[in-house]
Amino acid sequence: MATKNSAVFLLGLLLSCVAMSSAARILEETVPSKEEHQPEVPPLPKAPFPEVRLPPKPELPKVELPPVPEVHLAPKPELPKVELPPVPEVHLPPKPELPKVELPTFPEVHLPPKPEMPKVELPPKPEMPKVELPPKPEMPTVPMFHFPKPEAKP
């Protein structure tokens, strides 16, 4: 059942990708670019603004902050010193020595000498006869169609 669900999901995903790519292609073909269709906008006339005079800025009174109180922190408590017990020595048994294994010696193999291949002489290549080709035919010309000249109307 899970493979059927995943197959349906993948098929739906593929169809949606196809639809999105075709929609994007249609949009690219139908939408004009910004550079081609820029309407010319006439400049707006400047409206005269009345001259505004603001009153002078009032001076603000200086605010004095109260002094920052001193903070006395409690001294850090001293941690007791902890002594760790000594690490016990570990006595491992000695490594056992592996027995030496002697491999049997392989017998020497005496192969017979390679036989020499006899040289085979090939017959000389026969000469190819020269073939004379017929002269190249001329291409036929294509007849040109000439339109009749129209007569002047009275």
Protein backbone atom coordinates (compact mmCIF):
# COMPACT_ATOMS: atom_id res chain seq x y z
CA MET A 1 0.00 0.00 0.00
CA ALA A 2 2.90 2.34 0.78
CA THR A 3 4.40 1.87 -2.68
CA LYS A 4 1.06 2.75 -4.26
CA ASN A 5 0.81 5.92 -2.17
CA SER A 6 4.35 6.95 -3.00
CA ALA A 7 3.77 6.26 -6.70
CA VAL A 8 0.63 8.43 -6.66
CA PHE A 9 2.53 11.18 -4.82
CA LEU A 10 5.43 11.11 -7.30
CA LEU A 11 3.01 11.18 -10.24
CA GLY A 12 1.22 14.21 -8.75
CA LEU A 13 4.56 15.93 -8.13
CA LEU A 14 5.63 15.33 -11.73
CA LEU A 15 2.35 16.70 -13.10
CA SER A 16 2.59 19.82 -10.93
CA CYS A 17 6.18 20.44 -12.12
CA VAL A 18 5.07 20.14 -15.75
CA ALA A 19 2.17 22.52 -15.16
CA MET A 20 4.39 25.09 -13.43
CA SER A 21 7.03 25.03 -16.17
CA SER A 22 4.44 25.45 -18.94
CA ALA A 23 2.77 28.30 -17.02
CA ALA A 24 6.13 30.04 -16.55
CA ARG A 25 6.88 29.69 -20.26
CA ILE A 26 3.49 31.20 -21.18
CA LEU A 27 4.08 34.11 -18.80
CA GLU A 28 7.52 34.78 -20.25
CA GLU A 29 6.11 34.86 -23.77
CA THR A 30 3.09 37.07 -23.06
CA VAL A 31 4.43 39.63 -20.58
CA PRO A 32 6.25 42.50 -22.34
CA SER A 33 9.59 43.52 -20.95
CA LYS A 34 9.88 46.72 -18.89
CA GLU A 35 12.31 48.33 -21.31
CA GLU A 36 10.01 48.04 -24.34
CA HIS A 37 6.87 49.60 -22.87
CA GLN A 38 7.89 52.58 -20.75
CA PRO A 39 5.29 55.30 -21.22
CA GLU A 40 6.68 58.80 -21.19
CA VAL A 41 5.42 60.69 -18.17
CA PRO A 42 5.36 64.49 -18.43
CA PRO A 43 7.12 66.24 -15.57
CA LEU A 44 4.80 67.49 -12.83
CA PRO A 45 4.61 71.24 -12.32
CA LYS A 46 6.17 72.43 -9.11
CA ALA A 47 3.64 73.90 -6.72
CA PRO A 48 4.81 76.95 -4.76
CA PHE A 49 4.98 76.25 -1.07
CA PRO A 50 4.58 79.04 1.47
CA GLU A 51 7.65 79.82 3.51
CA VAL A 52 7.27 78.45 7.03
CA ARG A 53 9.17 79.89 9.96
CA LEU A 54 9.45 77.77 13.06
CA PRO A 55 9.89 79.15 16.55
CA PRO A 56 13.31 78.70 18.13
CA LYS A 57 13.94 75.43 19.93
CA PRO A 58 13.36 75.65 23.66
CA GLU A 59 16.31 74.78 25.84
CA LEU A 60 15.75 71.71 27.92
CA PRO A 61 16.82 71.70 31.57
CA LYS A 62 19.83 69.61 32.43
CA VAL A 63 18.92 66.47 34.31
CA GLU A 64 21.33 65.25 36.95
CA LEU A 65 21.26 61.54 37.57
CA PRO A 66 21.67 60.21 41.09
CA PRO A 67 25.03 58.58 41.78
CA VAL A 68 25.23 54.87 41.12
CA PRO A 69 25.31 52.96 44.42
CA GLU A 70 28.27 50.73 45.02
CA VAL A 71 27.50 47.05 44.93
CA HIS A 72 29.30 44.77 47.34
CA LEU A 73 29.20 41.17 46.29
CA ALA A 74 29.59 38.37 48.76
CA PRO A 75 33.00 36.74 48.58
CA LYS A 76 33.14 33.49 46.66
CA PRO A 77 33.09 30.47 48.92
CA GLU A 78 36.23 28.42 48.81
CA LEU A 79 35.72 24.95 47.45
CA PRO A 80 37.24 22.12 49.44
CA LYS A 81 40.22 20.50 47.83
CA VAL A 82 39.46 16.97 46.74
CA GLU A 83 42.25 14.46 46.45
CA LEU A 84 41.65 11.64 44.04
CA PRO A 85 42.73 8.15 45.02
CA PRO A 86 45.85 6.91 43.26
CA VAL A 87 45.31 4.92 40.10
CA PRO A 88 45.94 1.25 40.83
CA GLU A 89 48.63 -0.44 38.81
CA VAL A 90 47.34 -3.02 36.40
CA HIS A 91 49.42 -6.12 35.89
CA LEU A 92 48.63 -7.73 32.56
CA PRO A 93 49.72 -11.27 31.84
CA PRO A 94 52.63 -11.51 29.42
CA LYS A 95 51.75 -11.93 25.77
CA PRO A 96 51.98 -15.54 24.70
CA GLU A 97 54.49 -16.25 22.03
CA LEU A 98 53.03 -17.68 18.88
CA PRO A 99 54.53 -20.95 17.69
CA LYS A 100 56.63 -20.71 14.57
CA VAL A 101 55.00 -22.41 11.63
CA GLU A 102 57.23 -23.75 8.93
CA LEU A 103 55.69 -23.75 5.50
CA PRO A 104 56.44 -26.66 3.19
CA THR A 105 58.77 -25.84 0.36
CA PHE A 106 57.32 -25.85 -3.11
CA PRO A 107 58.91 -28.18 -5.63
CA GLU A 108 60.70 -26.54 -8.50
CA VAL A 109 58.78 -26.62 -11.74
CA HIS A 110 60.70 -27.28 -14.93
CA LEU A 111 58.75 -26.25 -17.99
CA PRO A 112 59.74 -27.39 -21.46
CA PRO A 113 61.26 -24.66 -23.63
CA LYS A 114 58.87 -22.63 -25.77
CA PRO A 115 58.63 -23.98 -29.29
CA GLU A 116 59.58 -21.50 -31.96
CA MET A 117 56.83 -20.53 -34.33
CA PRO A 118 57.68 -21.06 -38.00
CA LYS A 119 57.82 -17.89 -40.09
CA VAL A 120 55.13 -17.75 -42.72
CA GLU A 121 55.83 -15.66 -45.78
CA LEU A 122 52.78 -14.08 -47.34
CA PRO A 123 52.49 -13.73 -51.11
CA PRO A 124 52.98 -10.18 -52.40
CA LYS A 125 49.89 -8.01 -52.63
CA PRO A 126 48.39 -7.90 -56.09
CA GLU A 127 48.32 -4.51 -57.73
CA MET A 128 44.90 -2.99 -58.10
CA PRO A 129 43.91 -2.16 -61.69
CA LYS A 130 43.52 1.52 -62.44
CA VAL A 131 39.92 2.43 -63.10
CA GLU A 132 39.15 5.42 -65.28
CA LEU A 133 35.98 7.20 -64.32
CA PRO A 134 33.68 8.71 -66.92
CA PRO A 135 33.71 12.51 -67.16
CA LYS A 136 31.62 14.33 -64.59
CA PRO A 137 28.21 15.20 -66.03
CA GLU A 138 27.13 18.82 -66.05
CA MET A 139 24.28 19.78 -63.79
CA PRO A 140 21.13 20.69 -65.71
CA THR A 141 20.07 24.29 -65.32
CA VAL A 142 16.79 25.12 -63.65
CA PRO A 143 14.48 27.07 -65.99
CA MET A 144 13.66 30.51 -64.65
CA PHE A 145 10.05 31.63 -64.56
CA HIS A 146 9.53 35.19 -65.82
CA PHE A 147 6.37 36.99 -64.82
CA PRO A 148 4.63 38.80 -67.67
CA LYS A 149 4.82 42.58 -67.48
CA PRO A 150 1.45 44.16 -66.73
CA GLU A 151 0.08 46.38 -69.42
CA ALA A 152 -0.78 49.99 -68.63
CA LYS A 153 -4.51 50.54 -68.02
CA PRO A 154 -6.19 53.16 -70.26
